[in-house]
Amino acid sequence: MGLSFAIGLFIYAVYKKTYSGVMYSNAFGVSLISMSMITSLVIIAVTSNVVLSLGMVGALSIVRFRTAIKEPMDIAFLFWAIAVGIVLGAGLIPLAIIGSVIIGVIIILFSTRKIGDTPYILVVSCDGQNAEKQAGALIYNNAKKSVLKSKTVNSSGVEFTYEVRVKNDTDFVNSISEVTGVNNVVLVTYNGEYMS
């Protein structure tokens, strides 16, 4: 149990270091520690008695989890904590330690490695087609890559949204806002699905 607590702490530390979502949940990190300990306890109990193991399988088969997992990496951390508990409960201590170190190093290496440029969402509101063309030309000339995501036209003007990768900095947003007819320019960091 002590070793499952220690490896659970390691999993928690890796989770805290590599978390890149919007809102960090300390409770989820603590649940990773408890998950490895509880799973280890269940496996120790199950391996000692065949009748108990059948009853435990039946009891666990009716449990349903209703909490939605919002980050894909959270699922990986949950499975890691459960796997550590199972492996330690089965008495395979070297496998749990070496496997956890390897998994932790891989997650840290790949989560801290920056792949490509930071994508941004650029929202521009303007009065008419002339301002739209000038703003579009500035976006095309100052972005490494730009993809029109949406365009809304109504009586008050035009609003369009681009997903952009900037060449050097985000100063071109100021030049877009200076175009005659542009009312509003918003640039937001985007961490959703990346452009292909």
C-alpha atoms as a PDB file:
ATOM      1  CA  MET A   1       0.000   0.000   0.000  1.00  0.00           C
ATOM      2  CA  GLY A   2       2.886   2.327   0.774  1.00  0.00           C
ATOM      3  CA  LEU A   3       4.415   1.713  -2.636  1.00  0.00           C
ATOM      4  CA  SER A   4       1.087   2.315  -4.384  1.00  0.00           C
ATOM      5  CA  PHE A   5       0.861   5.607  -2.471  1.00  0.00           C
ATOM      6  CA  ALA A   6       4.398   6.568  -3.563  1.00  0.00           C
ATOM      7  CA  ILE A   7       3.789   5.718  -7.223  1.00  0.00           C
ATOM      8  CA  GLY A   8       0.412   7.465  -7.002  1.00  0.00           C
ATOM      9  CA  LEU A   9       2.270  10.591  -5.816  1.00  0.00           C
ATOM     10  CA  PHE A  10       4.598  10.247  -8.808  1.00  0.00           C
ATOM     11  CA  ILE A  11       1.597   9.996 -11.153  1.00  0.00           C
ATOM     12  CA  TYR A  12       0.082  13.060  -9.457  1.00  0.00           C
ATOM     13  CA  ALA A  13       3.353  15.013  -9.878  1.00  0.00           C
ATOM     14  CA  VAL A  14       3.562  14.134 -13.571  1.00  0.00           C
ATOM     15  CA  TYR A  15      -0.101  15.095 -14.031  1.00  0.00           C
ATOM     16  CA  LYS A  16       0.423  18.449 -12.309  1.00  0.00           C
ATOM     17  CA  LYS A  17       3.572  19.215 -14.325  1.00  0.00           C
ATOM     18  CA  THR A  18       2.111  18.300 -17.711  1.00  0.00           C
ATOM     19  CA  TYR A  19      -1.471  19.568 -17.338  1.00  0.00           C
ATOM     20  CA  SER A  20      -2.333  21.904 -20.210  1.00  0.00           C
ATOM     21  CA  GLY A  21      -6.125  22.208 -19.936  1.00  0.00           C
ATOM     22  CA  VAL A  22      -8.158  25.248 -19.056  1.00  0.00           C
ATOM     23  CA  MET A  23      -8.936  24.604 -15.387  1.00  0.00           C
ATOM     24  CA  TYR A  24      -6.638  22.444 -13.262  1.00  0.00           C
ATOM     25  CA  SER A  25      -8.467  20.239 -10.744  1.00  0.00           C
ATOM     26  CA  ASN A  26      -6.496  19.345  -7.632  1.00  0.00           C
ATOM     27  CA  ALA A  27      -9.240  16.891  -6.675  1.00  0.00           C
ATOM     28  CA  PHE A  28      -8.578  14.893  -9.857  1.00  0.00           C
ATOM     29  CA  GLY A  29      -4.880  14.720  -8.972  1.00  0.00           C
ATOM     30  CA  VAL A  30      -5.688  13.436  -5.488  1.00  0.00           C
ATOM     31  CA  SER A  31      -8.091  10.902  -6.996  1.00  0.00           C
ATOM     32  CA  LEU A  32      -5.181   9.504  -9.028  1.00  0.00           C
ATOM     33  CA  ILE A  33      -3.350   8.724  -5.786  1.00  0.00           C
ATOM     34  CA  SER A  34      -6.406   7.159  -4.213  1.00  0.00           C
ATOM     35  CA  MET A  35      -7.208   5.230  -7.410  1.00  0.00           C
ATOM     36  CA  SER A  36      -3.844   3.450  -7.375  1.00  0.00           C
ATOM     37  CA  MET A  37      -4.190   2.642  -3.674  1.00  0.00           C
ATOM     38  CA  ILE A  38      -7.800   1.434  -3.892  1.00  0.00           C
ATOM     39  CA  THR A  39      -7.101  -0.715  -6.962  1.00  0.00           C
ATOM     40  CA  SER A  40      -4.092  -2.210  -5.224  1.00  0.00           C
ATOM     41  CA  LEU A  41      -6.200  -3.009  -2.160  1.00  0.00           C
ATOM     42  CA  VAL A  42      -8.920  -4.640  -4.279  1.00  0.00           C
ATOM     43  CA  ILE A  43      -6.422  -6.786  -6.194  1.00  0.00           C
ATOM     44  CA  ILE A  44      -4.737  -7.917  -2.966  1.00  0.00           C
ATOM     45  CA  ALA A  45      -8.128  -8.953  -1.593  1.00  0.00           C
ATOM     46  CA  VAL A  46      -9.169 -10.681  -4.805  1.00  0.00           C
ATOM     47  CA  THR A  47      -5.969 -12.735  -5.165  1.00  0.00           C
ATOM     48  CA  SER A  48      -6.388 -14.243  -1.719  1.00  0.00           C
ATOM     49  CA  ASN A  49      -9.868 -15.770  -2.233  1.00  0.00           C
ATOM     50  CA  VAL A  50     -11.568 -17.145  -5.360  1.00  0.00           C
ATOM     51  CA  VAL A  51     -15.124 -16.686  -4.021  1.00  0.00           C
ATOM     52  CA  LEU A  52     -14.362 -13.080  -3.052  1.00  0.00           C
ATOM     53  CA  SER A  53     -12.908 -12.420  -6.503  1.00  0.00           C
ATOM     54  CA  LEU A  54     -16.114 -13.581  -8.218  1.00  0.00           C
ATOM     55  CA  GLY A  55     -18.227 -11.437  -5.898  1.00  0.00           C
ATOM     56  CA  MET A  56     -15.957  -8.437  -6.518  1.00  0.00           C
ATOM     57  CA  VAL A  57     -16.233  -8.844 -10.288  1.00  0.00           C
ATOM     58  CA  GLY A  58     -20.025  -8.959  -9.996  1.00  0.00           C
ATOM     59  CA  ALA A  59     -20.118  -5.907  -7.733  1.00  0.00           C
ATOM     60  CA  LEU A  60     -17.791  -3.866  -9.942  1.00  0.00           C
ATOM     61  CA  SER A  61     -19.690  -4.761 -13.114  1.00  0.00           C
ATOM     62  CA  ILE A  62     -22.720  -2.748 -11.985  1.00  0.00           C
ATOM     63  CA  VAL A  63     -20.754   0.428 -11.183  1.00  0.00           C
ATOM     64  CA  ARG A  64     -21.232   3.202 -13.742  1.00  0.00           C
ATOM     65  CA  PHE A  65     -19.229   6.407 -13.836  1.00  0.00           C
ATOM     66  CA  ARG A  66     -21.226   9.480 -14.792  1.00  0.00           C
ATOM     67  CA  THR A  67     -18.505  12.121 -14.667  1.00  0.00           C
ATOM     68  CA  ALA A  68     -17.409  13.196 -18.141  1.00  0.00           C
ATOM     69  CA  ILE A  69     -13.683  13.277 -18.764  1.00  0.00           C
ATOM     70  CA  LYS A  70     -12.941  16.563 -20.524  1.00  0.00           C
ATOM     71  CA  GLU A  71      -9.260  16.154 -21.338  1.00  0.00           C
ATOM     72  CA  PRO A  72      -8.008  13.145 -23.332  1.00  0.00           C
ATOM     73  CA  MET A  73      -4.846  12.915 -21.231  1.00  0.00           C
ATOM     74  CA  ASP A  74      -6.957  12.552 -18.079  1.00  0.00           C
ATOM     75  CA  ILE A  75      -8.086   9.148 -19.340  1.00  0.00           C
ATOM     76  CA  ALA A  76      -4.464   8.094 -19.792  1.00  0.00           C
ATOM     77  CA  PHE A  77      -3.669   9.142 -16.220  1.00  0.00           C
ATOM     78  CA  LEU A  78      -6.698   7.242 -14.901  1.00  0.00           C
ATOM     79  CA  PHE A  79      -5.656   4.056 -16.699  1.00  0.00           C
ATOM     80  CA  TRP A  80      -2.085   4.529 -15.494  1.00  0.00           C
ATOM     81  CA  ALA A  81      -3.220   4.802 -11.855  1.00  0.00           C
ATOM     82  CA  ILE A  82      -5.489   1.750 -12.205  1.00  0.00           C
ATOM     83  CA  ALA A  83      -2.736  -0.264 -13.926  1.00  0.00           C
ATOM     84  CA  VAL A  84      -0.268   0.583 -11.152  1.00  0.00           C
ATOM     85  CA  GLY A  85      -2.760  -0.599  -8.562  1.00  0.00           C
ATOM     86  CA  ILE A  86      -3.375  -3.862 -10.423  1.00  0.00           C
ATOM     87  CA  VAL A  87       0.315  -4.564 -10.976  1.00  0.00           C
ATOM     88  CA  LEU A  88       1.263  -3.772  -7.368  1.00  0.00           C
ATOM     89  CA  GLY A  89      -1.672  -5.799  -6.045  1.00  0.00           C
ATOM     90  CA  ALA A  90      -0.449  -8.750  -8.103  1.00  0.00           C
ATOM     91  CA  GLY A  91       2.983  -8.383  -6.484  1.00  0.00           C
ATOM     92  CA  LEU A  92       4.885  -7.319  -9.603  1.00  0.00           C
ATOM     93  CA  ILE A  93       6.743  -4.487  -7.882  1.00  0.00           C
ATOM     94  CA  PRO A  94       9.644  -4.039 -10.384  1.00  0.00           C
ATOM     95  CA  LEU A  95       7.172  -3.870 -13.276  1.00  0.00           C
ATOM     96  CA  ALA A  96       5.163  -1.162 -11.507  1.00  0.00           C
ATOM     97  CA  ILE A  97       8.231   0.949 -10.705  1.00  0.00           C
ATOM     98  CA  ILE A  98      10.022   0.605 -14.048  1.00  0.00           C
ATOM     99  CA  GLY A  99       6.795   0.937 -16.048  1.00  0.00           C
ATOM    100  CA  SER A 100       5.767   4.077 -14.152  1.00  0.00           C
ATOM    101  CA  VAL A 101       9.162   5.708 -14.645  1.00  0.00           C
ATOM    102  CA  ILE A 102       9.082   4.965 -18.380  1.00  0.00           C
ATOM    103  CA  ILE A 103       5.495   6.191 -18.764  1.00  0.00           C
ATOM    104  CA  GLY A 104       6.230   9.329 -16.729  1.00  0.00           C
ATOM    105  CA  VAL A 105       9.316  10.208 -18.758  1.00  0.00           C
ATOM    106  CA  ILE A 106       7.471   9.684 -22.051  1.00  0.00           C
ATOM    107  CA  ILE A 107       4.529  11.846 -20.963  1.00  0.00           C
ATOM    108  CA  ILE A 108       6.837  14.632 -19.743  1.00  0.00           C
ATOM    109  CA  LEU A 109       8.911  14.561 -22.943  1.00  0.00           C
ATOM    110  CA  PHE A 110       5.952  14.673 -25.298  1.00  0.00           C
ATOM    111  CA  SER A 111       3.841  17.161 -23.350  1.00  0.00           C
ATOM    112  CA  THR A 112       6.614  19.752 -22.992  1.00  0.00           C
ATOM    113  CA  ARG A 113       7.742  19.452 -26.608  1.00  0.00           C
ATOM    114  CA  LYS A 114       6.257  22.198 -28.742  1.00  0.00           C
ATOM    115  CA  ILE A 115       4.995  20.910 -32.067  1.00  0.00           C
ATOM    116  CA  GLY A 116       4.455  23.626 -34.644  1.00  0.00           C
ATOM    117  CA  ASP A 117       3.316  27.172 -34.056  1.00  0.00           C
ATOM    118  CA  THR A 118       0.710  28.385 -31.634  1.00  0.00           C
ATOM    119  CA  PRO A 119      -2.662  28.621 -33.347  1.00  0.00           C
ATOM    120  CA  TYR A 120      -4.867  31.644 -32.786  1.00  0.00           C
ATOM    121  CA  ILE A 121      -8.491  32.459 -33.516  1.00  0.00           C
ATOM    122  CA  LEU A 122      -8.871  35.889 -35.095  1.00  0.00           C
ATOM    123  CA  VAL A 123     -12.320  37.513 -35.105  1.00  0.00           C
ATOM    124  CA  VAL A 124     -12.780  40.663 -37.198  1.00  0.00           C
ATOM    125  CA  SER A 125     -15.927  42.807 -37.364  1.00  0.00           C
ATOM    126  CA  CYS A 126     -16.146  45.333 -40.165  1.00  0.00           C
ATOM    127  CA  ASP A 127     -18.633  47.543 -42.003  1.00  0.00           C
ATOM    128  CA  GLY A 128     -18.466  46.277 -45.541  1.00  0.00           C
ATOM    129  CA  GLN A 129     -16.798  44.354 -48.315  1.00  0.00           C
ATOM    130  CA  ASN A 130     -13.974  46.861 -48.874  1.00  0.00           C
ATOM    131  CA  ALA A 131     -12.814  46.665 -45.244  1.00  0.00           C
ATOM    132  CA  GLU A 132     -13.180  42.889 -45.391  1.00  0.00           C
ATOM    133  CA  LYS A 133     -10.884  42.666 -48.432  1.00  0.00           C
ATOM    134  CA  GLN A 134      -8.229  44.908 -46.848  1.00  0.00           C
ATOM    135  CA  ALA A 135      -8.309  42.980 -43.561  1.00  0.00           C
ATOM    136  CA  GLY A 136      -8.171  39.666 -45.444  1.00  0.00           C
ATOM    137  CA  ALA A 137      -5.114  40.855 -47.379  1.00  0.00           C
ATOM    138  CA  LEU A 138      -3.360  41.832 -44.127  1.00  0.00           C
ATOM    139  CA  ILE A 139      -4.157  38.442 -42.606  1.00  0.00           C
ATOM    140  CA  TYR A 140      -2.902  36.627 -45.709  1.00  0.00           C
ATOM    141  CA  ASN A 141       0.366  38.620 -45.783  1.00  0.00           C
ATOM    142  CA  ASN A 142       1.126  38.426 -42.042  1.00  0.00           C
ATOM    143  CA  ALA A 143       0.152  34.853 -41.165  1.00  0.00           C
ATOM    144  CA  LYS A 144       2.071  31.682 -41.959  1.00  0.00           C
ATOM    145  CA  LYS A 145      -1.213  29.916 -42.417  1.00  0.00           C
ATOM    146  CA  SER A 146      -4.793  31.104 -42.257  1.00  0.00           C
ATOM    147  CA  VAL A 147      -8.079  29.262 -42.634  1.00  0.00           C
ATOM    148  CA  LEU A 148     -11.456  30.991 -42.769  1.00  0.00           C
ATOM    149  CA  LYS A 149     -13.618  29.249 -40.148  1.00  0.00           C
ATOM    150  CA  SER A 150     -16.825  31.298 -40.353  1.00  0.00           C
ATOM    151  CA  LYS A 151     -18.303  34.403 -41.909  1.00  0.00           C
ATOM    152  CA  THR A 152     -21.456  36.177 -40.766  1.00  0.00           C
ATOM    153  CA  VAL A 153     -23.096  38.917 -42.833  1.00  0.00           C
ATOM    154  CA  ASN A 154     -25.967  40.999 -41.451  1.00  0.00           C
ATOM    155  CA  SER A 155     -27.330  44.541 -41.721  1.00  0.00           C
ATOM    156  CA  SER A 156     -24.751  45.911 -39.279  1.00  0.00           C
ATOM    157  CA  GLY A 157     -21.754  44.533 -41.187  1.00  0.00           C
ATOM    158  CA  VAL A 158     -19.547  41.500 -41.626  1.00  0.00           C
ATOM    159  CA  GLU A 159     -17.884  39.331 -38.990  1.00  0.00           C
ATOM    160  CA  PHE A 160     -15.406  36.649 -39.958  1.00  0.00           C
ATOM    161  CA  THR A 161     -13.306  34.210 -37.970  1.00  0.00           C
ATOM    162  CA  TYR A 162      -9.911  32.897 -39.053  1.00  0.00           C
ATOM    163  CA  GLU A 163      -7.669  30.275 -37.539  1.00  0.00           C
ATOM    164  CA  VAL A 164      -4.168  31.717 -37.997  1.00  0.00           C
ATOM    165  CA  ARG A 165      -0.560  30.826 -37.355  1.00  0.00           C
ATOM    166  CA  VAL A 166       1.471  34.011 -37.064  1.00  0.00           C
ATOM    167  CA  LYS A 167       4.936  34.460 -38.564  1.00  0.00           C
ATOM    168  CA  ASN A 168       6.668  36.427 -35.812  1.00  0.00           C
ATOM    169  CA  ASP A 169       4.371  38.265 -33.466  1.00  0.00           C
ATOM    170  CA  THR A 170       0.804  39.400 -33.110  1.00  0.00           C
ATOM    171  CA  ASP A 171       1.403  43.084 -33.942  1.00  0.00           C
ATOM    172  CA  PHE A 172      -0.425  42.739 -37.253  1.00  0.00           C
ATOM    173  CA  VAL A 173      -3.670  42.759 -35.246  1.00  0.00           C
ATOM    174  CA  ASN A 174      -3.062  46.464 -34.585  1.00  0.00           C
ATOM    175  CA  SER A 175      -2.680  47.137 -38.311  1.00  0.00           C
ATOM    176  CA  ILE A 176      -5.950  45.302 -39.023  1.00  0.00           C
ATOM    177  CA  SER A 177      -7.746  47.450 -36.435  1.00  0.00           C
ATOM    178  CA  GLU A 178      -6.455  50.610 -38.207  1.00  0.00           C
ATOM    179  CA  VAL A 179      -8.124  49.657 -41.500  1.00  0.00           C
ATOM    180  CA  THR A 180     -10.998  52.027 -42.310  1.00  0.00           C
ATOM    181  CA  GLY A 181     -14.274  50.228 -41.681  1.00  0.00           C
ATOM    182  CA  VAL A 182     -12.933  47.672 -39.202  1.00  0.00           C
ATOM    183  CA  ASN A 183     -14.845  48.006 -35.939  1.00  0.00           C
ATOM    184  CA  ASN A 184     -13.371  45.290 -33.763  1.00  0.00           C
ATOM    185  CA  VAL A 185     -10.475  42.782 -33.859  1.00  0.00           C
ATOM    186  CA  VAL A 186     -10.036  39.976 -31.327  1.00  0.00           C
ATOM    187  CA  LEU A 187      -7.126  37.517 -31.232  1.00  0.00           C
ATOM    188  CA  VAL A 188      -7.440  34.510 -28.916  1.00  0.00           C
ATOM    189  CA  THR A 189      -5.062  31.621 -28.279  1.00  0.00           C
ATOM    190  CA  TYR A 190      -6.630  28.424 -29.554  1.00  0.00           C
ATOM    191  CA  ASN A 191      -5.815  24.957 -28.220  1.00  0.00           C
ATOM    192  CA  GLY A 192      -8.499  22.893 -29.899  1.00  0.00           C
ATOM    193  CA  GLU A 193      -8.147  20.887 -33.067  1.00  0.00           C
ATOM    194  CA  TYR A 194      -5.133  22.000 -35.097  1.00  0.00           C
ATOM    195  CA  MET A 195      -5.090  22.741 -38.785  1.00  0.00           C
ATOM    196  CA  SER A 196      -3.841  19.950 -41.000  1.00  0.00           C
END
